[in-house]
Amino acid sequence: MSLATSETSQWKTLLAFGIIYFVWGSTFLAIRIGVEEVPPFLLASMRFLAAGLALYLWMLVKGERTPTAKQWGSATLLALLIFVGNYGLLFWAEQRVPSGITAVMMATIPAFMALAEIIILQTQRLTLRLGLALGIGFCGVAVLVLRSLNLGGEPIDRAGAVALIVGAINWSLASALSRKLPLPQAKTMSSGAQMLAGGVLLAAVATMRGEFAGFHPAAVSGRAWLALLYLVVAGSIVAFTAYVWLLQHYSPTKVGTYAYVNPVVAVLLGYFAGGEPLGERTILGSACVLASVAMITTAGAKRMPSKVGA
């Protein structure tokens, strides 16, 4: 390999890691900006319909086969858990919970995935290290939520916290099921199909909640539209492409380091750009959750990254 080729590869690697570290970390603040003016399930639907359609058409142009009826059924089931049961709840919760804390709560997904592997897949056993990691993670959640702890600052909204925990559990269940369900072999086609199905399901939920009736596009500011555009283009299409490229060139453990960086980026952006509080409670709770994530994700060298941004 020539020196020029090596330098180009290094720049591609740095750029790709920068994208999944900082773009995915910033999507939590973009969601908060969007849900200030657009109903949450409707906003999520617009994001994933647009991104899913773009990925799906891109793969068709590249000659990839469209999913079979059985694969569409699997994609729809996973979309119900991931895009309605995780992202829909996340968008809804960000009306109540600061974006940085939302990212920290979503970082608990590896803990629930570990439990799913122990209980559902039975591919892992409960070791002392894993039990300690789970305990530290759940202590971090307790620090963020419980009012009885005298740590200064208000604990996060309980309804929002419950929604985020349920969302994390749903993602973990979907991750376990995805290993057993028939899906398109091409990762990008599989994700595009799931996003499309998720966008349709989110639109149905938005309709049942009456979100379309109270929505007036002309009343939405350019700031909110830019947040949605950022979520579609940067958060879903560009970052996902970088993620897939990295998985083809580096180990899942190395790529999975974004799970430690995203919450830190989200907390700092929320504080400096979003005016969100950053006190003892937030710092201690975040530190516990991230320590738990590090212990769980480094326990198995072949463990796949568990969450694709927000």
Protein backbone atom coordinates (compact mmCIF):
# COMPACT_ATOMS: atom_id res chain seq x y z
CA MET A 1 0.00 0.00 0.00
CA SER A 2 1.41 3.40 -0.98
CA LEU A 3 1.89 6.22 1.52
CA ALA A 4 -0.84 8.29 -0.19
CA THR A 5 -3.28 5.37 -0.05
CA SER A 6 -2.47 4.76 3.62
CA GLU A 7 -3.02 8.43 4.49
CA THR A 8 -6.34 8.44 2.61
CA SER A 9 -7.47 5.35 4.53
CA GLN A 10 -6.50 6.96 7.83
CA TRP A 11 -8.51 10.08 7.00
CA LYS A 12 -11.53 7.94 6.03
CA THR A 13 -11.25 6.10 9.33
CA LEU A 14 -10.97 9.29 11.38
CA LEU A 15 -13.90 10.83 9.51
CA ALA A 16 -16.09 7.74 9.93
CA PHE A 17 -15.37 7.47 13.67
CA GLY A 18 -15.91 11.23 14.05
CA ILE A 19 -19.31 10.88 12.40
CA ILE A 20 -20.59 8.04 14.58
CA TYR A 21 -19.11 9.65 17.71
CA PHE A 22 -20.30 13.22 17.29
CA VAL A 23 -23.18 13.11 14.80
CA TRP A 24 -24.98 10.36 16.67
CA GLY A 25 -24.24 12.10 19.96
CA SER A 26 -25.75 15.33 18.62
CA THR A 27 -28.99 13.74 17.39
CA PHE A 28 -30.44 13.78 20.91
CA LEU A 29 -30.35 17.59 20.97
CA ALA A 30 -31.78 17.71 17.43
CA ILE A 31 -34.70 15.55 18.60
CA ARG A 32 -35.34 17.88 21.53
CA ILE A 33 -35.40 20.88 19.18
CA GLY A 34 -37.78 19.09 16.84
CA VAL A 35 -40.31 17.92 19.45
CA GLU A 36 -40.64 21.48 20.78
CA GLU A 37 -42.75 22.25 17.68
CA VAL A 38 -43.66 18.95 15.99
CA PRO A 39 -45.62 16.17 17.75
CA PRO A 40 -43.19 13.39 18.73
CA PHE A 41 -44.56 10.36 16.90
CA LEU A 42 -45.21 12.43 13.79
CA LEU A 43 -41.66 13.79 13.86
CA ALA A 44 -40.25 10.28 14.27
CA SER A 45 -42.44 9.04 11.42
CA MET A 46 -41.21 11.76 9.05
CA ARG A 47 -37.59 11.03 9.96
CA PHE A 48 -37.69 7.29 9.40
CA LEU A 49 -39.99 7.32 6.36
CA ALA A 50 -37.59 9.68 4.59
CA ALA A 51 -34.41 7.90 5.69
CA GLY A 52 -35.85 4.42 5.11
CA LEU A 53 -37.07 5.29 1.63
CA ALA A 54 -33.66 6.75 0.72
CA LEU A 55 -31.78 3.65 1.92
CA TYR A 56 -34.28 1.27 0.33
CA LEU A 57 -34.17 2.96 -3.10
CA TRP A 58 -30.38 3.24 -2.92
CA MET A 59 -30.08 -0.52 -2.43
CA LEU A 60 -32.52 -1.23 -5.28
CA VAL A 61 -30.46 0.98 -7.60
CA LYS A 62 -27.35 -0.99 -6.55
CA GLY A 63 -29.12 -4.17 -7.65
CA GLU A 64 -30.09 -5.56 -4.26
CA ARG A 65 -33.20 -7.75 -4.20
CA THR A 66 -36.33 -6.45 -2.52
CA PRO A 67 -37.17 -8.32 0.72
CA THR A 68 -39.46 -11.35 0.53
CA ALA A 69 -42.89 -11.35 2.17
CA LYS A 70 -41.44 -13.30 5.13
CA GLN A 71 -38.57 -10.81 5.47
CA TRP A 72 -41.01 -7.88 5.36
CA GLY A 73 -42.95 -9.57 8.17
CA SER A 74 -39.78 -9.84 10.26
CA ALA A 75 -38.84 -6.23 9.46
CA THR A 76 -42.29 -5.06 10.55
CA LEU A 77 -42.12 -6.95 13.85
CA LEU A 78 -38.69 -5.48 14.61
CA ALA A 79 -39.90 -2.03 13.52
CA LEU A 80 -42.73 -2.26 16.05
CA LEU A 81 -40.21 -2.82 18.83
CA ILE A 82 -37.42 -0.53 17.60
CA PHE A 83 -39.14 2.41 15.92
CA VAL A 84 -42.41 2.54 17.84
CA GLY A 85 -41.38 0.94 21.12
CA ASN A 86 -37.95 2.60 21.30
CA TYR A 87 -37.63 5.66 19.09
CA GLY A 88 -41.29 6.68 19.42
CA LEU A 89 -41.00 6.60 23.21
CA LEU A 90 -37.62 8.37 23.04
CA PHE A 91 -39.06 11.24 20.96
CA TRP A 92 -42.02 11.47 23.35
CA ALA A 93 -39.75 11.41 26.43
CA GLU A 94 -37.59 14.25 25.11
CA GLN A 95 -40.53 16.59 25.72
CA ARG A 96 -39.95 15.88 29.43
CA VAL A 97 -36.31 14.76 29.83
CA PRO A 98 -33.15 16.74 28.89
CA SER A 99 -31.47 15.45 25.73
CA GLY A 100 -28.21 14.61 27.52
CA ILE A 101 -29.94 12.52 30.17
CA THR A 102 -31.96 10.80 27.44
CA ALA A 103 -28.70 9.69 25.83
CA VAL A 104 -27.44 8.39 29.19
CA MET A 105 -30.66 6.45 29.79
CA MET A 106 -30.40 4.92 26.31
CA ALA A 107 -26.85 3.86 27.16
CA THR A 108 -28.39 1.26 29.50
CA ILE A 109 -29.29 -0.82 26.43
CA PRO A 110 -26.18 -3.06 26.75
CA ALA A 111 -27.34 -3.96 30.28
CA PHE A 112 -30.75 -5.05 29.03
CA MET A 113 -29.12 -6.83 26.07
CA ALA A 114 -26.94 -8.77 28.49
CA LEU A 115 -30.06 -9.78 30.42
CA ALA A 116 -31.74 -10.81 27.14
CA GLU A 117 -28.72 -12.97 26.26
CA ILE A 118 -28.86 -14.62 29.67
CA ILE A 119 -32.63 -15.14 29.85
CA ILE A 120 -33.86 -15.38 26.23
CA LEU A 121 -30.95 -16.47 24.04
CA GLN A 122 -29.10 -18.30 26.82
CA THR A 123 -25.83 -17.46 25.05
CA GLN A 124 -24.25 -15.90 28.12
CA ARG A 125 -24.11 -16.73 31.80
CA LEU A 126 -24.22 -14.37 34.75
CA THR A 127 -20.64 -13.87 35.92
CA LEU A 128 -19.39 -11.81 38.85
CA ARG A 129 -18.10 -9.11 36.45
CA LEU A 130 -21.38 -8.96 34.55
CA GLY A 131 -23.44 -8.88 37.74
CA LEU A 132 -21.31 -6.03 39.09
CA ALA A 133 -21.64 -4.13 35.80
CA LEU A 134 -25.43 -4.52 35.80
CA GLY A 135 -25.59 -3.33 39.41
CA ILE A 136 -23.50 -0.24 38.67
CA GLY A 137 -25.65 0.60 35.65
CA PHE A 138 -28.92 0.33 37.52
CA CYS A 139 -27.46 2.37 40.39
CA GLY A 140 -26.74 5.08 37.82
CA VAL A 141 -30.37 5.05 36.70
CA ALA A 142 -31.49 5.25 40.33
CA VAL A 143 -29.27 8.31 40.87
CA LEU A 144 -30.92 10.05 37.92
CA VAL A 145 -34.48 9.14 38.88
CA LEU A 146 -34.90 8.89 42.68
CA ARG A 147 -35.98 11.97 44.59
CA SER A 148 -34.84 10.51 47.93
CA LEU A 149 -31.16 10.97 47.02
CA ASN A 150 -29.85 14.33 48.21
CA LEU A 151 -27.59 15.13 45.28
CA GLY A 152 -28.82 18.56 44.30
CA GLY A 153 -30.80 19.31 41.17
CA GLU A 154 -34.15 17.85 40.22
CA PRO A 155 -34.41 14.16 39.29
CA ILE A 156 -35.70 13.53 35.81
CA ASP A 157 -39.40 13.25 35.03
CA ARG A 158 -40.61 9.81 36.08
CA ALA A 159 -42.97 9.26 33.15
CA GLY A 160 -40.16 10.17 30.77
CA ALA A 161 -37.75 7.88 32.64
CA VAL A 162 -40.17 4.95 32.45
CA ALA A 163 -40.67 5.55 28.73
CA LEU A 164 -36.91 5.50 28.15
CA ILE A 165 -36.40 2.33 30.19
CA VAL A 166 -39.23 0.59 28.32
CA GLY A 167 -37.66 1.80 25.08
CA ALA A 168 -34.28 0.36 26.09
CA ILE A 169 -35.92 -2.98 26.93
CA ASN A 170 -37.75 -3.02 23.58
CA TRP A 171 -34.49 -2.41 21.70
CA SER A 172 -32.85 -5.26 23.60
CA LEU A 173 -35.71 -7.63 22.79
CA ALA A 174 -35.53 -6.63 19.12
CA SER A 175 -31.77 -7.25 19.09
CA ALA A 176 -32.31 -10.74 20.48
CA LEU A 177 -35.13 -11.50 18.03
CA SER A 178 -33.18 -10.19 15.04
CA ARG A 179 -30.78 -13.12 15.38
CA LYS A 180 -33.64 -15.58 14.96
CA LEU A 181 -35.82 -13.87 12.31
CA PRO A 182 -35.35 -14.07 8.50
CA LEU A 183 -34.04 -10.69 7.27
CA PRO A 184 -32.33 -9.44 4.08
CA GLN A 185 -28.66 -10.40 4.07
CA ALA A 186 -27.57 -6.89 3.08
CA LYS A 187 -27.46 -4.85 6.30
CA THR A 188 -28.41 -1.60 4.57
CA MET A 189 -31.45 -3.16 2.85
CA SER A 190 -32.52 -4.71 6.15
CA SER A 191 -32.24 -1.35 7.93
CA GLY A 192 -34.01 0.49 5.12
CA ALA A 193 -36.91 -1.97 5.21
CA GLN A 194 -37.17 -1.69 8.99
CA MET A 195 -37.08 2.12 8.84
CA LEU A 196 -39.80 2.16 6.18
CA ALA A 197 -42.01 -0.17 8.19
CA GLY A 198 -41.26 1.82 11.33
CA GLY A 199 -42.17 5.10 9.63
CA VAL A 200 -45.55 3.69 8.58
CA LEU A 201 -46.24 2.29 12.07
CA LEU A 202 -45.22 5.60 13.70
CA ALA A 203 -47.58 7.45 11.34
CA ALA A 204 -50.38 5.12 12.45
CA VAL A 205 -49.62 5.85 16.11
CA ALA A 206 -49.47 9.58 15.38
CA THR A 207 -52.90 9.33 13.72
CA MET A 208 -54.41 7.48 16.69
CA ARG A 209 -52.99 10.14 19.02
CA GLY A 210 -54.51 12.91 16.91
CA GLU A 211 -51.12 14.44 16.12
CA PHE A 212 -51.98 15.17 12.49
CA ALA A 213 -55.06 17.15 13.50
CA GLY A 214 -53.10 19.64 15.55
CA PHE A 215 -50.14 19.88 13.18
CA HIS A 216 -49.72 22.94 10.96
CA PRO A 217 -46.52 22.78 8.86
CA ALA A 218 -46.61 26.51 8.13
CA ALA A 219 -46.39 27.23 11.87
CA VAL A 220 -43.18 25.19 12.30
CA SER A 221 -40.02 27.28 12.39
CA GLY A 222 -37.03 26.79 10.12
CA ARG A 223 -35.05 25.70 13.18
CA ALA A 224 -37.31 22.68 13.72
CA TRP A 225 -37.27 21.77 10.01
CA LEU A 226 -33.47 21.95 10.02
CA ALA A 227 -33.42 19.64 13.05
CA LEU A 228 -35.55 17.11 11.13
CA LEU A 229 -33.33 17.43 8.04
CA TYR A 230 -30.27 16.86 10.23
CA LEU A 231 -31.84 13.75 11.77
CA VAL A 232 -32.70 12.32 8.34
CA VAL A 233 -29.52 13.12 6.42
CA ALA A 234 -26.75 13.25 9.03
CA GLY A 235 -28.22 11.09 11.80
CA SER A 236 -29.73 8.29 9.71
CA ILE A 237 -28.19 8.18 6.22
CA VAL A 238 -24.63 9.56 6.57
CA ALA A 239 -23.92 8.16 10.05
CA PHE A 240 -25.37 4.75 9.22
CA THR A 241 -23.25 4.55 6.06
CA ALA A 242 -20.15 5.38 8.12
CA TYR A 243 -21.15 2.76 10.69
CA VAL A 244 -21.54 0.01 8.07
CA TRP A 245 -18.18 0.96 6.48
CA LEU A 246 -16.44 0.79 9.85
CA LEU A 247 -17.90 -2.64 10.63
CA GLN A 248 -16.42 -3.89 7.35
CA HIS A 249 -12.93 -2.69 8.30
CA TYR A 250 -12.70 -2.84 12.11
CA SER A 251 -13.78 -5.12 14.93
CA PRO A 252 -17.25 -4.65 16.45
CA THR A 253 -15.58 -3.95 19.80
CA LYS A 254 -13.63 -1.00 18.37
CA VAL A 255 -16.62 0.35 16.45
CA GLY A 256 -18.76 -0.11 19.57
CA THR A 257 -16.72 2.53 21.41
CA TYR A 258 -19.28 5.06 20.15
CA ALA A 259 -21.52 3.78 22.95
CA TYR A 260 -19.23 5.50 25.47
CA VAL A 261 -18.79 8.71 23.48
CA ASN A 262 -22.37 9.45 22.36
CA PRO A 263 -23.77 10.14 25.86
CA VAL A 264 -20.81 12.39 26.74
CA VAL A 265 -21.30 14.38 23.52
CA ALA A 266 -25.04 14.60 24.17
CA VAL A 267 -24.61 15.77 27.78
CA LEU A 268 -22.04 18.43 26.84
CA LEU A 269 -24.07 19.66 23.85
CA GLY A 270 -27.20 19.78 25.99
CA TYR A 271 -25.34 21.88 28.56
CA PHE A 272 -23.49 24.28 26.27
CA ALA A 273 -25.94 24.53 23.34
CA GLY A 274 -29.26 23.56 24.90
CA GLY A 275 -29.06 25.20 28.33
CA GLU A 276 -29.62 21.89 30.13
CA PRO A 277 -28.46 21.49 33.77
CA LEU A 278 -25.22 19.68 34.55
CA GLY A 279 -25.02 19.01 38.29
CA GLU A 280 -23.78 16.33 40.66
CA ARG A 281 -26.76 14.10 39.96
CA THR A 282 -26.20 14.14 36.20
CA ILE A 283 -22.44 13.62 36.48
CA LEU A 284 -22.63 10.77 39.00
CA GLY A 285 -25.51 8.99 37.27
CA SER A 286 -23.85 9.31 33.86
CA ALA A 287 -20.52 8.04 35.21
CA CYS A 288 -22.17 4.94 36.68
CA VAL A 289 -24.05 4.12 33.48
CA LEU A 290 -20.98 4.61 31.27
CA ALA A 291 -18.82 2.51 33.59
CA SER A 292 -21.45 -0.22 33.33
CA VAL A 293 -21.47 0.04 29.51
CA ALA A 294 -17.67 -0.22 29.39
CA MET A 295 -17.63 -3.30 31.63
CA ILE A 296 -20.39 -5.06 29.67
CA THR A 297 -19.21 -4.29 26.14
CA THR A 298 -15.60 -5.27 26.86
CA ALA A 299 -16.58 -8.52 28.56
CA GLY A 300 -16.92 -10.27 25.17
CA ALA A 301 -14.60 -9.33 22.34
CA LYS A 302 -17.12 -10.31 19.67
CA ARG A 303 -20.13 -8.51 21.14
CA MET A 304 -21.78 -6.42 18.45
CA PRO A 305 -22.52 -2.72 19.03
CA SER A 306 -25.97 -2.50 20.51
CA LYS A 307 -27.48 0.83 19.59
CA VAL A 308 -27.28 2.97 16.50
CA GLY A 309 -27.40 6.48 17.80
CA ALA A 310 -30.72 8.18 18.40
